[in-house]
Each structure stands twice: as structure tokens, then as C-alpha cells.
Amino acid sequence: MREDRAAAPSLGRNLTYGMLNSLGRAIVTGQYRDRAFPTEAEIAKMHGVSRSVTREAVKMLTAKGLVSARPRQGTIVQPSASWNLFDTDVLRWLLERQFSIDLLRQFTQLRIAIEPEAAALAARHGDAAAHRSIELRLDGMKQAERGRGDALEADIAFHVAVLQASRNPFYAQFRDVVATALAKSIRFTNRIKGHSASIAEHQAVTDAILSRDADEARRRMRQLIGNVMTLIENAEPDDTGEL
């Protein structure tokens, strides 16, 4: 009996997040562009779930800016300008729909505005443990190049470590956006280059941070991401297919 009671809340959460994922993806991919969003009763019936599960999923969609509930009008799908693009679910759904090089360019522009300064702050304020974490993530990238590890995961982990080493909680919370969007960005740029990330460029960023040279760390990270932007800007039409 005790095990049954413990399992029930977990099952409810899984149903809620499954419903959230289904409805969120449908909204972002435009399935409700020309038709009304269903009522909670209709959603519950279509998917065979309880009204409470549906209600919770719709509340989460509202928090993400995808829908709004209005008196006597029901639940309305919001225009994309209202979506919370820093929500990792929304960003993931955007990246899962037909590939857009414009979205990739916009994301890289954001990285150029954020990550070089994070690298400078990591050089200036990062403690020994944070710097050691960056070194370990760089080593992980080197190991992945030798076939001992996942190159994509190692690359993402490096950039997240730099954000965390900034000692700025706002930069640190950008890590989830970076981890979500970099997975798409890195696969795209690696396909163009024919190989994974430049270890030398990441080594230069690391050396500057460990030397506590904030200006050099900023410059090296800007150069690293700037090279990514160049790849994106020069991408051929055939390079922009679904990944």
C-alpha cells in the first residue's frame, strides 16, 4: 500500500510533463496557428488524462508565455513575441521544429554578448575550484577528441563551467539556455567544419582565465564565438537542413 501511494504522485508528474511537452511542441510548431486551442475538457478527452493533469499542464504553458486564459474567451495561444525564449522547454521546441539558420544566428549573437564577459569575470573572480573545473572540462574535450567521451557533451560542459566560474548568478543561470541551444549549434557548425571544436581556441580561453587576464579571456572567447558566427554567416543553402 505504501509503495502504491508513493508511485501515484510520480505518475501524475510524468503525465503532466508528457502533456506539457505534447501541447507545447504543437503550439511552437504552429499547429494552432489557424485553429482554436482546445478546452481543458477537450484535451483531457483527446489524450485520456484527468482534468487535473490537463489543468496543471495548461498552467505551465501559461507560465512559459505560450497561452493565456481570458474570461469568456477560454485559453488563447499567444504570439511568439510573448513566449519566454529563456525557458529551456520553449527553446528546445523552437529548435526541434524546421531548422532555422536565423534562430541559430540570433542565439550566437546572444552568446557573443554574454560569454566573453563571463570569461572575463571568471578570470577576475573565479576561485581555484572554479578554475580547476574549467581545466577538467577542457581535458574532457581533449579526451573526446581521442574517442574517449562525447565531444558534444564535453564542449557544452566547458562553456557551462566558464559561466559558472563568473561568480555571477545571472550568468550562471544562462547555463541551461547554453546547454539546450549549443547542442544544435555545435552539431551544425561541426558538420560544416568536418570536425569538432577547436581545442586550441578553448585552450587559449582557459589559459587566459587561469592567468587571471580578464581582457585576454574576453578577447579569446569573443574570437572563439566570432568564428562560429562566421561559419553560420557563410553557410551554404545545403548546410541549413534539418539536423
Protein backbone atom coordinates (compact mmCIF):
# COMPACT_ATOMS: atom_id res chain seq x y z
CA MET A 1 0.00 0.00 0.00
CA ARG A 2 2.77 2.42 0.90
CA GLU A 3 4.53 1.78 -2.43
CA ASP A 4 1.30 2.43 -4.37
CA ARG A 5 0.82 5.79 -2.63
CA ALA A 6 4.41 6.79 -3.38
CA ALA A 7 4.13 5.87 -7.04
CA ALA A 8 0.94 7.83 -7.70
CA PRO A 9 2.41 11.37 -7.43
CA SER A 10 5.32 10.35 -9.69
CA LEU A 11 2.91 9.02 -12.29
CA GLY A 12 0.93 12.27 -12.09
CA ARG A 13 4.03 14.35 -12.69
CA ASN A 14 5.02 12.20 -15.66
CA LEU A 15 1.56 12.59 -17.19
CA THR A 16 1.65 16.34 -16.63
CA TYR A 17 5.07 16.80 -18.23
CA GLY A 18 4.13 14.49 -21.07
CA MET A 19 1.04 16.60 -21.73
CA LEU A 20 3.09 19.80 -21.40
CA ASN A 21 5.59 18.53 -23.94
CA SER A 22 2.89 17.49 -26.40
CA LEU A 23 0.91 20.73 -26.18
CA GLY A 24 3.98 22.99 -26.09
CA ARG A 25 5.53 21.41 -29.16
CA ALA A 26 2.20 21.67 -31.01
CA ILE A 27 1.93 25.39 -30.22
CA VAL A 28 5.52 26.23 -31.17
CA THR A 29 5.34 24.28 -34.44
CA GLY A 30 2.23 26.22 -35.44
CA GLN A 31 -0.43 23.54 -35.14
CA TYR A 32 -2.78 26.04 -33.50
CA ARG A 33 -1.98 28.96 -35.78
CA ASP A 34 -5.28 28.73 -37.67
CA ARG A 35 -7.50 26.96 -35.17
CA ALA A 36 -8.65 27.48 -31.63
CA PHE A 37 -6.79 25.94 -28.74
CA PRO A 38 -8.93 23.15 -27.24
CA THR A 39 -10.64 23.47 -23.89
CA GLU A 40 -9.31 21.58 -20.87
CA ALA A 41 -12.21 19.12 -21.18
CA GLU A 42 -11.41 18.50 -24.86
CA ILE A 43 -7.70 18.00 -24.12
CA ALA A 44 -8.47 15.57 -21.30
CA LYS A 45 -10.78 13.55 -23.53
CA MET A 46 -8.40 13.51 -26.54
CA HIS A 47 -5.43 12.33 -24.50
CA GLY A 48 -7.24 10.17 -21.98
CA VAL A 49 -6.00 12.04 -18.90
CA SER A 50 -7.72 13.66 -15.94
CA ARG A 51 -8.82 17.30 -15.89
CA SER A 52 -6.35 17.96 -13.08
CA VAL A 53 -3.42 16.81 -15.25
CA THR A 54 -4.64 18.94 -18.14
CA ARG A 55 -5.20 21.96 -15.91
CA GLU A 56 -1.66 21.75 -14.50
CA ALA A 57 -0.12 21.44 -17.97
CA VAL A 58 -2.06 24.49 -19.19
CA LYS A 59 -0.87 26.46 -16.14
CA MET A 60 2.72 25.60 -17.05
CA LEU A 61 2.14 26.68 -20.67
CA THR A 62 0.78 29.97 -19.33
CA ALA A 63 3.90 30.48 -17.20
CA LYS A 64 6.03 29.97 -20.32
CA GLY A 65 4.08 32.67 -22.16
CA LEU A 66 2.63 30.30 -24.75
CA VAL A 67 -1.04 30.70 -23.81
CA SER A 68 -3.24 32.98 -21.75
CA ALA A 69 -6.62 32.35 -20.14
CA ARG A 70 -9.22 35.05 -20.65
CA PRO A 71 -12.72 35.28 -19.13
CA ARG A 72 -15.42 34.09 -21.55
CA GLN A 73 -12.75 33.52 -24.25
CA GLY A 74 -11.05 30.43 -22.93
CA THR A 75 -7.36 29.64 -23.46
CA ILE A 76 -5.73 31.68 -26.23
CA VAL A 77 -2.41 30.89 -27.93
CA GLN A 78 -0.07 33.86 -27.55
CA PRO A 79 2.02 35.36 -30.37
CA SER A 80 5.67 34.25 -30.43
CA ALA A 81 6.76 37.68 -29.17
CA SER A 82 5.19 36.75 -25.82
CA TRP A 83 6.99 33.41 -25.45
CA ASN A 84 9.69 33.08 -22.82
CA LEU A 85 12.67 32.27 -25.04
CA PHE A 86 14.89 31.74 -21.99
CA ASP A 87 12.70 28.86 -20.89
CA THR A 88 14.59 25.72 -21.88
CA ASP A 89 11.44 23.86 -22.92
CA VAL A 90 10.38 26.69 -25.26
CA LEU A 91 13.88 26.91 -26.70
CA ARG A 92 14.01 23.15 -27.21
CA TRP A 93 10.67 23.16 -29.01
CA LEU A 94 11.83 26.00 -31.22
CA LEU A 95 14.99 24.13 -32.12
CA GLU A 96 13.07 20.91 -32.79
CA ARG A 97 10.89 22.45 -35.46
CA GLN A 98 12.17 23.00 -39.02
CA PHE A 99 15.77 24.16 -38.75
CA SER A 100 16.22 27.93 -38.93
CA ILE A 101 19.63 29.44 -39.53
CA ASP A 102 18.17 32.78 -38.43
CA LEU A 103 17.42 31.35 -34.99
CA LEU A 104 20.93 29.92 -34.81
CA ARG A 105 22.38 33.31 -35.79
CA GLN A 106 20.31 35.10 -33.16
CA PHE A 107 21.39 32.66 -30.48
CA THR A 108 25.05 33.13 -31.43
CA GLN A 109 24.63 36.90 -31.26
CA LEU A 110 23.38 36.44 -27.71
CA ARG A 111 26.39 34.28 -26.88
CA ILE A 112 28.75 36.98 -28.18
CA ALA A 113 27.07 39.45 -25.84
CA ILE A 114 27.24 37.14 -22.80
CA GLU A 115 30.09 34.63 -22.85
CA PRO A 116 33.13 36.88 -23.43
CA GLU A 117 32.20 38.94 -20.39
CA ALA A 118 31.57 35.74 -18.42
CA ALA A 119 35.10 34.62 -19.33
CA ALA A 120 36.49 37.97 -18.14
CA LEU A 121 34.61 37.64 -14.85
CA ALA A 122 35.84 34.05 -14.50
CA ALA A 123 39.41 35.32 -14.85
CA ARG A 124 38.85 38.11 -12.35
CA HIS A 125 36.63 36.45 -9.74
CA GLY A 126 36.74 32.69 -10.28
CA ASP A 127 38.22 30.75 -7.37
CA ALA A 128 40.64 27.83 -7.59
CA ALA A 129 37.84 25.25 -7.65
CA ALA A 130 36.05 27.02 -10.50
CA HIS A 131 39.26 27.32 -12.50
CA ARG A 132 40.00 23.65 -11.88
CA SER A 133 36.54 22.80 -13.19
CA ILE A 134 37.29 24.64 -16.45
CA GLU A 135 40.59 22.75 -16.76
CA LEU A 136 38.81 19.44 -16.23
CA ARG A 137 36.19 20.29 -18.85
CA LEU A 138 38.93 21.20 -21.32
CA ASP A 139 40.61 17.88 -20.57
CA GLY A 140 37.26 16.21 -21.24
CA MET A 141 37.21 17.84 -24.67
CA LYS A 142 40.72 16.56 -25.36
CA GLN A 143 39.74 13.05 -24.28
CA ALA A 144 36.67 13.17 -26.50
CA GLU A 145 38.88 14.09 -29.46
CA ARG A 146 40.71 10.82 -28.84
CA GLY A 147 37.45 8.89 -28.83
CA ARG A 148 37.13 8.67 -25.06
CA GLY A 149 33.92 10.56 -24.42
CA ASP A 150 31.21 12.53 -26.18
CA ALA A 151 32.63 15.60 -27.94
CA LEU A 152 29.32 17.46 -27.93
CA GLU A 153 28.73 16.97 -24.20
CA ALA A 154 32.33 17.91 -23.41
CA ASP A 155 32.11 21.14 -25.43
CA ILE A 156 28.88 22.17 -23.73
CA ALA A 157 30.31 21.34 -20.29
CA PHE A 158 33.29 23.63 -20.96
CA HIS A 159 31.12 26.64 -21.75
CA VAL A 160 28.85 25.96 -18.78
CA ALA A 161 31.91 25.79 -16.50
CA VAL A 162 33.05 29.23 -17.70
CA LEU A 163 29.60 30.71 -17.00
CA GLN A 164 29.59 29.20 -13.51
CA ALA A 165 33.13 30.45 -12.83
CA SER A 166 31.98 34.04 -13.43
CA ARG A 167 30.63 34.04 -9.85
CA ASN A 168 27.66 35.98 -11.18
CA PRO A 169 24.36 34.15 -10.59
CA PHE A 170 22.73 35.75 -13.65
CA TYR A 171 25.45 34.45 -15.94
CA ALA A 172 25.40 31.09 -14.18
CA GLN A 173 21.67 30.69 -14.82
CA PHE A 174 22.29 31.22 -18.52
CA ARG A 175 23.84 27.74 -18.45
CA ASP A 176 20.55 25.98 -19.16
CA VAL A 177 19.94 28.06 -22.29
CA VAL A 178 23.51 27.42 -23.45
CA ALA A 179 23.27 23.67 -22.82
CA THR A 180 19.98 23.44 -24.72
CA ALA A 181 20.86 25.55 -27.74
CA LEU A 182 24.54 24.63 -28.04
CA ALA A 183 23.58 21.04 -28.75
CA LYS A 184 22.00 22.20 -32.01
CA SER A 185 24.59 24.88 -32.76
CA ILE A 186 27.61 22.62 -32.28
CA ARG A 187 26.20 19.85 -34.44
CA PHE A 188 25.55 22.39 -37.18
CA THR A 189 28.98 24.05 -37.12
CA ASN A 190 30.83 20.74 -36.73
CA ARG A 191 29.11 19.44 -39.83
CA ILE A 192 30.28 22.47 -41.80
CA LYS A 193 33.84 22.24 -40.48
CA GLY A 194 34.02 18.47 -40.80
CA HIS A 195 35.44 18.16 -37.28
CA SER A 196 34.59 19.05 -33.69
CA ALA A 197 35.52 22.15 -31.70
CA SER A 198 38.96 23.73 -31.90
CA ILE A 199 40.87 22.60 -28.85
CA ALA A 200 43.45 25.35 -29.41
CA GLU A 201 40.79 28.08 -29.19
CA HIS A 202 39.36 26.62 -25.98
CA GLN A 203 42.88 26.20 -24.59
CA ALA A 204 43.56 29.89 -25.24
CA VAL A 205 40.42 30.87 -23.32
CA THR A 206 41.42 28.58 -20.46
CA ASP A 207 44.99 29.89 -20.29
CA ALA A 208 43.77 33.48 -20.12
CA ILE A 209 41.29 32.68 -17.34
CA LEU A 210 43.87 30.76 -15.30
CA SER A 211 46.32 33.63 -15.75
CA ARG A 212 43.61 35.99 -14.44
CA ASP A 213 43.95 38.12 -17.56
CA ALA A 214 40.38 39.35 -17.91
CA ASP A 215 40.95 41.34 -21.10
CA GLU A 216 42.63 38.41 -22.83
CA ALA A 217 39.96 35.98 -21.64
CA ARG A 218 37.26 38.28 -23.03
CA ARG A 219 39.11 38.65 -26.34
CA ARG A 220 39.74 34.91 -26.73
CA MET A 221 36.15 33.95 -26.01
CA ARG A 222 34.85 36.62 -28.38
CA GLN A 223 37.20 35.28 -31.04
CA LEU A 224 36.04 31.70 -30.44
CA ILE A 225 32.35 32.56 -30.77
CA GLY A 226 33.06 35.01 -33.59
CA ASN A 227 34.49 32.15 -35.61
CA VAL A 228 31.24 30.25 -35.05
CA MET A 229 29.30 33.26 -36.31
CA THR A 230 31.49 33.40 -39.43
CA LEU A 231 30.64 29.75 -40.16
CA ILE A 232 26.95 30.48 -39.77
CA GLU A 233 27.05 33.62 -41.93
CA ASN A 234 28.91 31.79 -44.71
CA ALA A 235 26.79 28.64 -44.58
CA GLU A 236 25.61 27.37 -47.96
CA PRO A 237 21.90 26.64 -48.52
CA ASP A 238 22.56 22.90 -48.29
CA ASP A 239 24.01 23.39 -44.81
CA THR A 240 20.72 24.57 -43.35
CA GLY A 241 18.78 21.31 -43.44
CA GLU A 242 17.25 19.50 -40.51
CA LEU A 243 19.77 18.12 -38.03
